[in-house]
C-alpha atoms as a PDB file:
ATOM      1  CA  UNK A   1      -0.705   1.628  55.382  1.00  0.00           C
ATOM      2  CA  UNK A   2       1.431   3.776  53.095  1.00  0.00           C
ATOM      3  CA  UNK A   3       1.402   1.063  50.410  1.00  0.00           C
ATOM      4  CA  UNK A   4      -2.406   0.933  50.416  1.00  0.00           C
ATOM      5  CA  UNK A   5      -2.631   4.726  50.135  1.00  0.00           C
ATOM      6  CA  UNK A   6      -0.277   4.856  47.119  1.00  0.00           C
ATOM      7  CA  UNK A   7      -2.107   1.985  45.443  1.00  0.00           C
ATOM      8  CA  UNK A   8      -5.466   3.604  46.080  1.00  0.00           C
ATOM      9  CA  UNK A   9      -4.248   6.985  44.744  1.00  0.00           C
ATOM     10  CA  UNK A  10      -2.720   5.349  41.680  1.00  0.00           C
ATOM     11  CA  UNK A  11      -5.921   3.479  41.006  1.00  0.00           C
ATOM     12  CA  UNK A  12      -8.073   6.593  41.415  1.00  0.00           C
ATOM     13  CA  UNK A  13      -5.786   8.685  39.165  1.00  0.00           C
ATOM     14  CA  UNK A  14      -5.634   6.016  36.485  1.00  0.00           C
ATOM     15  CA  UNK A  15      -9.386   5.504  36.590  1.00  0.00           C
ATOM     16  CA  UNK A  16      -9.999   9.241  36.303  1.00  0.00           C
ATOM     17  CA  UNK A  17      -7.643   9.521  33.335  1.00  0.00           C
ATOM     18  CA  UNK A  18      -9.348   6.565  31.661  1.00  0.00           C
ATOM     19  CA  UNK A  19     -12.812   8.066  32.225  1.00  0.00           C
ATOM     20  CA  UNK A  20     -11.770  11.454  30.788  1.00  0.00           C
ATOM     21  CA  UNK A  21     -10.112   9.830  27.769  1.00  0.00           C
ATOM     22  CA  UNK A  22     -13.132   7.636  27.131  1.00  0.00           C
ATOM     23  CA  UNK A  23     -15.575  10.552  27.368  1.00  0.00           C
ATOM     24  CA  UNK A  24     -13.527  12.903  25.139  1.00  0.00           C
ATOM     25  CA  UNK A  25     -12.680  10.244  22.568  1.00  0.00           C
ATOM     26  CA  UNK A  26      -8.899  10.214  23.073  1.00  0.00           C
ATOM     27  CA  UNK A  27      -8.794   6.443  23.085  1.00  0.00           C
ATOM     28  CA  UNK A  28     -10.392   5.932  19.661  1.00  0.00           C
ATOM     29  CA  UNK A  29      -8.012   8.267  17.737  1.00  0.00           C
ATOM     30  CA  UNK A  30      -5.030   6.587  19.383  1.00  0.00           C
ATOM     31  CA  UNK A  31      -6.170   3.279  17.914  1.00  0.00           C
ATOM     32  CA  UNK A  32      -7.079   4.852  14.560  1.00  0.00           C
ATOM     33  CA  UNK A  33      -3.606   6.328  14.119  1.00  0.00           C
ATOM     34  CA  UNK A  34      -2.033   2.875  14.248  1.00  0.00           C
ATOM     35  CA  UNK A  35      -1.645   2.427  10.473  1.00  0.00           C
ATOM     36  CA  UNK A  36       0.849   4.880   8.990  1.00  0.00           C
ATOM     37  CA  UNK A  37       0.859   5.890   5.303  1.00  0.00           C
ATOM     38  CA  UNK A  38       3.118   4.116   2.816  1.00  0.00           C
ATOM     39  CA  UNK A  39       6.019   6.272   1.694  1.00  0.00           C
ATOM     40  CA  UNK A  40       7.113   6.374  -1.925  1.00  0.00           C
ATOM     41  CA  UNK A  41      10.150   4.218  -2.606  1.00  0.00           C
ATOM     42  CA  UNK A  42      13.313   5.497  -4.229  1.00  0.00           C
ATOM     43  CA  UNK A  43      13.202   4.708  -7.945  1.00  0.00           C
ATOM     44  CA  UNK A  44       9.507   3.893  -7.816  1.00  0.00           C
ATOM     45  CA  UNK A  45       8.514   6.579 -10.305  1.00  0.00           C
ATOM     46  CA  UNK A  46      11.152   5.625 -12.913  1.00  0.00           C
ATOM     47  CA  UNK A  47       9.522   5.347 -16.357  1.00  0.00           C
ATOM     48  CA  UNK A  48       6.098   6.285 -14.943  1.00  0.00           C
ATOM     49  CA  UNK A  49       3.516   7.099 -17.638  1.00  0.00           C
ATOM     50  CA  UNK A  50       0.585   9.177 -16.344  1.00  0.00           C
ATOM     51  CA  UNK A  51      -2.795   7.893 -17.442  1.00  0.00           C
ATOM     52  CA  UNK A  52      -1.866   4.314 -18.344  1.00  0.00           C
ATOM     53  CA  UNK A  53      -5.081   2.573 -19.425  1.00  0.00           C
ATOM     54  CA  UNK A  54      -7.065   0.198 -17.222  1.00  0.00           C
ATOM     55  CA  UNK A  55      -6.519  -3.265 -18.708  1.00  0.00           C
ATOM     56  CA  UNK A  56      -7.546  -6.879 -18.037  1.00  0.00           C
ATOM     57  CA  UNK A  57      -3.962  -8.053 -18.547  1.00  0.00           C
ATOM     58  CA  UNK A  58      -0.606  -6.664 -19.681  1.00  0.00           C
ATOM     59  CA  UNK A  59       0.797  -8.636 -22.624  1.00  0.00           C
ATOM     60  CA  UNK A  60       0.677 -12.419 -22.651  1.00  0.00           C
ATOM     61  CA  UNK A  61       0.569 -12.821 -18.887  1.00  0.00           C
ATOM     62  CA  UNK A  62       2.025 -15.573 -16.731  1.00  0.00           C
ATOM     63  CA  UNK A  63       3.104 -13.368 -13.802  1.00  0.00           C
ATOM     64  CA  UNK A  64       0.787 -11.925 -11.131  1.00  0.00           C
ATOM     65  CA  UNK A  65       1.156  -8.547  -9.435  1.00  0.00           C
ATOM     66  CA  UNK A  66      -1.202  -8.185  -6.490  1.00  0.00           C
ATOM     67  CA  UNK A  67      -1.736  -6.346  -3.247  1.00  0.00           C
ATOM     68  CA  UNK A  68      -4.058  -4.281  -1.112  1.00  0.00           C
ATOM     69  CA  UNK A  69      -4.986  -0.640  -0.713  1.00  0.00           C
ATOM     70  CA  UNK A  70      -6.079   0.661   2.698  1.00  0.00           C
ATOM     71  CA  UNK A  71      -6.659   4.055   4.288  1.00  0.00           C
ATOM     72  CA  UNK A  72      -4.083   5.373   6.743  1.00  0.00           C
ATOM     73  CA  UNK A  73      -5.274   5.494  10.320  1.00  0.00           C
ATOM     74  CA  UNK A  74      -8.170   3.077  10.504  1.00  0.00           C
ATOM     75  CA  UNK A  75      -6.921   0.638   7.823  1.00  0.00           C
ATOM     76  CA  UNK A  76     -10.246   0.530   6.004  1.00  0.00           C
ATOM     77  CA  UNK A  77     -10.016  -1.188   2.600  1.00  0.00           C
ATOM     78  CA  UNK A  78     -10.365   1.239  -0.314  1.00  0.00           C
ATOM     79  CA  UNK A  79     -12.529   0.036  -3.189  1.00  0.00           C
ATOM     80  CA  UNK A  80     -12.298   1.401  -6.727  1.00  0.00           C
ATOM     81  CA  UNK A  81      -8.762   2.754  -6.392  1.00  0.00           C
ATOM     82  CA  UNK A  82      -6.601   2.865  -9.529  1.00  0.00           C
ATOM     83  CA  UNK A  83      -3.194   1.168  -9.318  1.00  0.00           C
ATOM     84  CA  UNK A  84      -0.784   1.480 -12.241  1.00  0.00           C
ATOM     85  CA  UNK A  85       1.712  -1.351 -12.785  1.00  0.00           C
ATOM     86  CA  UNK A  86       4.765  -1.568 -15.054  1.00  0.00           C
ATOM     87  CA  UNK A  87       8.027  -3.506 -15.229  1.00  0.00           C
ATOM     88  CA  UNK A  88      10.863  -4.789 -17.371  1.00  0.00           C
ATOM     89  CA  UNK A  89       9.449  -8.103 -18.640  1.00  0.00           C
ATOM     90  CA  UNK A  90      10.070 -10.851 -21.158  1.00  0.00           C
ATOM     91  CA  UNK A  91       7.924  -8.801 -23.575  1.00  0.00           C
ATOM     92  CA  UNK A  92       9.275  -5.273 -23.126  1.00  0.00           C
ATOM     93  CA  UNK A  93      11.185  -2.672 -21.193  1.00  0.00           C
ATOM     94  CA  UNK A  94       9.625  -0.698 -18.364  1.00  0.00           C
ATOM     95  CA  UNK A  95       9.712   2.470 -20.515  1.00  0.00           C
ATOM     96  CA  UNK A  96       7.601   0.830 -23.285  1.00  0.00           C
ATOM     97  CA  UNK A  97       3.885   1.787 -23.371  1.00  0.00           C
ATOM     98  CA  UNK A  98       2.866  -1.888 -23.754  1.00  0.00           C
ATOM     99  CA  UNK A  99       4.618  -2.654 -20.443  1.00  0.00           C
ATOM    100  CA  UNK A 100       2.196  -0.376 -18.539  1.00  0.00           C
ATOM    101  CA  UNK A 101      -1.349  -0.975 -17.393  1.00  0.00           C
ATOM    102  CA  UNK A 102      -3.683  -0.134 -14.540  1.00  0.00           C
ATOM    103  CA  UNK A 103      -6.312  -1.978 -12.542  1.00  0.00           C
ATOM    104  CA  UNK A 104      -8.904  -1.106  -9.885  1.00  0.00           C
ATOM    105  CA  UNK A 105      -9.244  -2.443  -6.360  1.00  0.00           C
ATOM    106  CA  UNK A 106     -12.254  -4.596  -5.491  1.00  0.00           C
ATOM    107  CA  UNK A 107     -14.664  -4.071  -2.561  1.00  0.00           C
ATOM    108  CA  UNK A 108     -12.011  -5.435  -0.163  1.00  0.00           C
ATOM    109  CA  UNK A 109      -9.285  -3.094  -1.437  1.00  0.00           C
ATOM    110  CA  UNK A 110      -7.535  -5.956  -3.272  1.00  0.00           C
ATOM    111  CA  UNK A 111      -5.980  -5.623  -6.725  1.00  0.00           C
ATOM    112  CA  UNK A 112      -4.526  -8.244  -9.031  1.00  0.00           C
ATOM    113  CA  UNK A 113      -3.175  -7.924 -12.565  1.00  0.00           C
ATOM    114  CA  UNK A 114      -1.561 -10.528 -14.805  1.00  0.00           C
ATOM    115  CA  UNK A 115       1.465  -9.491 -16.844  1.00  0.00           C
ATOM    116  CA  UNK A 116       4.506 -11.057 -18.557  1.00  0.00           C
ATOM    117  CA  UNK A 117       7.295 -12.502 -16.415  1.00  0.00           C
ATOM    118  CA  UNK A 118       9.399  -9.807 -14.753  1.00  0.00           C
ATOM    119  CA  UNK A 119      13.118 -10.048 -15.588  1.00  0.00           C
ATOM    120  CA  UNK A 120      16.070  -8.299 -13.940  1.00  0.00           C
ATOM    121  CA  UNK A 121      16.764  -4.691 -14.882  1.00  0.00           C
ATOM    122  CA  UNK A 122      19.887  -3.102 -13.445  1.00  0.00           C
ATOM    123  CA  UNK A 123      20.651  -6.414 -11.734  1.00  0.00           C
ATOM    124  CA  UNK A 124      17.353  -6.721  -9.839  1.00  0.00           C
ATOM    125  CA  UNK A 125      14.014  -8.257 -10.797  1.00  0.00           C
ATOM    126  CA  UNK A 126      11.505  -5.636  -9.648  1.00  0.00           C
ATOM    127  CA  UNK A 127       8.147  -4.146 -10.432  1.00  0.00           C
ATOM    128  CA  UNK A 128       6.751  -0.626 -10.292  1.00  0.00           C
ATOM    129  CA  UNK A 129       3.373   0.360  -8.916  1.00  0.00           C
ATOM    130  CA  UNK A 130       1.704   3.701  -8.438  1.00  0.00           C
ATOM    131  CA  UNK A 131      -1.390   5.014  -6.769  1.00  0.00           C
ATOM    132  CA  UNK A 132      -2.104   8.221  -8.688  1.00  0.00           C
ATOM    133  CA  UNK A 133      -5.854   8.851  -8.656  1.00  0.00           C
ATOM    134  CA  UNK A 134      -5.904  12.078  -6.665  1.00  0.00           C
ATOM    135  CA  UNK A 135      -8.171  11.314  -3.674  1.00  0.00           C
ATOM    136  CA  UNK A 136      -5.089  10.359  -1.669  1.00  0.00           C
ATOM    137  CA  UNK A 137      -1.414  11.305  -1.810  1.00  0.00           C
ATOM    138  CA  UNK A 138       0.435   9.767  -4.773  1.00  0.00           C
ATOM    139  CA  UNK A 139       2.643   6.804  -3.832  1.00  0.00           C
ATOM    140  CA  UNK A 140       5.220   5.031  -6.015  1.00  0.00           C
ATOM    141  CA  UNK A 141       6.512   1.575  -5.052  1.00  0.00           C
ATOM    142  CA  UNK A 142       9.422  -0.459  -6.423  1.00  0.00           C
ATOM    143  CA  UNK A 143       9.326  -3.882  -4.734  1.00  0.00           C
ATOM    144  CA  UNK A 144      12.217  -6.243  -5.502  1.00  0.00           C
ATOM    145  CA  UNK A 145      11.564  -9.938  -6.067  1.00  0.00           C
ATOM    146  CA  UNK A 146      13.417 -12.555  -4.004  1.00  0.00           C
ATOM    147  CA  UNK A 147      14.238 -14.474  -7.187  1.00  0.00           C
ATOM    148  CA  UNK A 148      13.872 -13.815 -10.907  1.00  0.00           C
ATOM    149  CA  UNK A 149      12.078 -17.188 -11.046  1.00  0.00           C
ATOM    150  CA  UNK A 150       9.207 -15.951  -8.847  1.00  0.00           C
ATOM    151  CA  UNK A 151       5.900 -15.801 -10.705  1.00  0.00           C
ATOM    152  CA  UNK A 152       4.201 -13.265  -8.455  1.00  0.00           C
ATOM    153  CA  UNK A 153       4.913 -10.142  -6.453  1.00  0.00           C
ATOM    154  CA  UNK A 154       2.834  -8.375  -3.795  1.00  0.00           C
ATOM    155  CA  UNK A 155       2.771  -4.715  -2.861  1.00  0.00           C
ATOM    156  CA  UNK A 156       0.570  -3.032  -0.295  1.00  0.00           C
ATOM    157  CA  UNK A 157      -0.513   0.593  -0.126  1.00  0.00           C
ATOM    158  CA  UNK A 158      -1.669   2.541   2.928  1.00  0.00           C
ATOM    159  CA  UNK A 159      -2.895   5.876   1.604  1.00  0.00           C
ATOM    160  CA  UNK A 160      -3.123   9.285   3.237  1.00  0.00           C
ATOM    161  CA  UNK A 161      -6.019  11.537   2.146  1.00  0.00           C
ATOM    162  CA  UNK A 162      -4.934  14.660   0.261  1.00  0.00           C
END
C-alpha cells in the first residue's frame, strides 16, 4: 500500500510540474538554450584587417574554407552574415592584404570561399576566420589543419546577439 501511495504522489507531483512548465513556457527555453555561442580562439585575431573586401576568391584558389553560421540558442541558420578569412598561403603571408577576403553566408547559413593552399606558419597549418558584422558578438577562430596536405578546412560559428 505504501508503495502505491508514493508512486501515485510522485506521478501527481511530476504531472503538476510538467503542466506548469508547459503552460508558462519553461520547456521551450530549456530546449532553445541548447546551442551555446562560439568563443573566440586564442590567436584568432592575429593579423586581422577590419573591412576586408567581399571577394569571389582569394588569389589563385585551390583550397576551400567553408563552414556554417547559426544563432545561439535555437541554432537557426543566419543568412547574409559576413565572414572574413585569411591565412598564410602559397601566395602570401597572413599579414598581406591580398591574403584577406570576406564572403557572405547563403540562406542556409553556409559559407564557402576558395583561396590558395594554406601552408604552415609557426609550425602549424591554420586559417583565420572572423565574424565582425556587428549584429552579433565578434568571434575570431583559428582552426588548425590535420595535415598541411589538406585542401579544405571547416569552421563553424554559433553567434550571440549583441
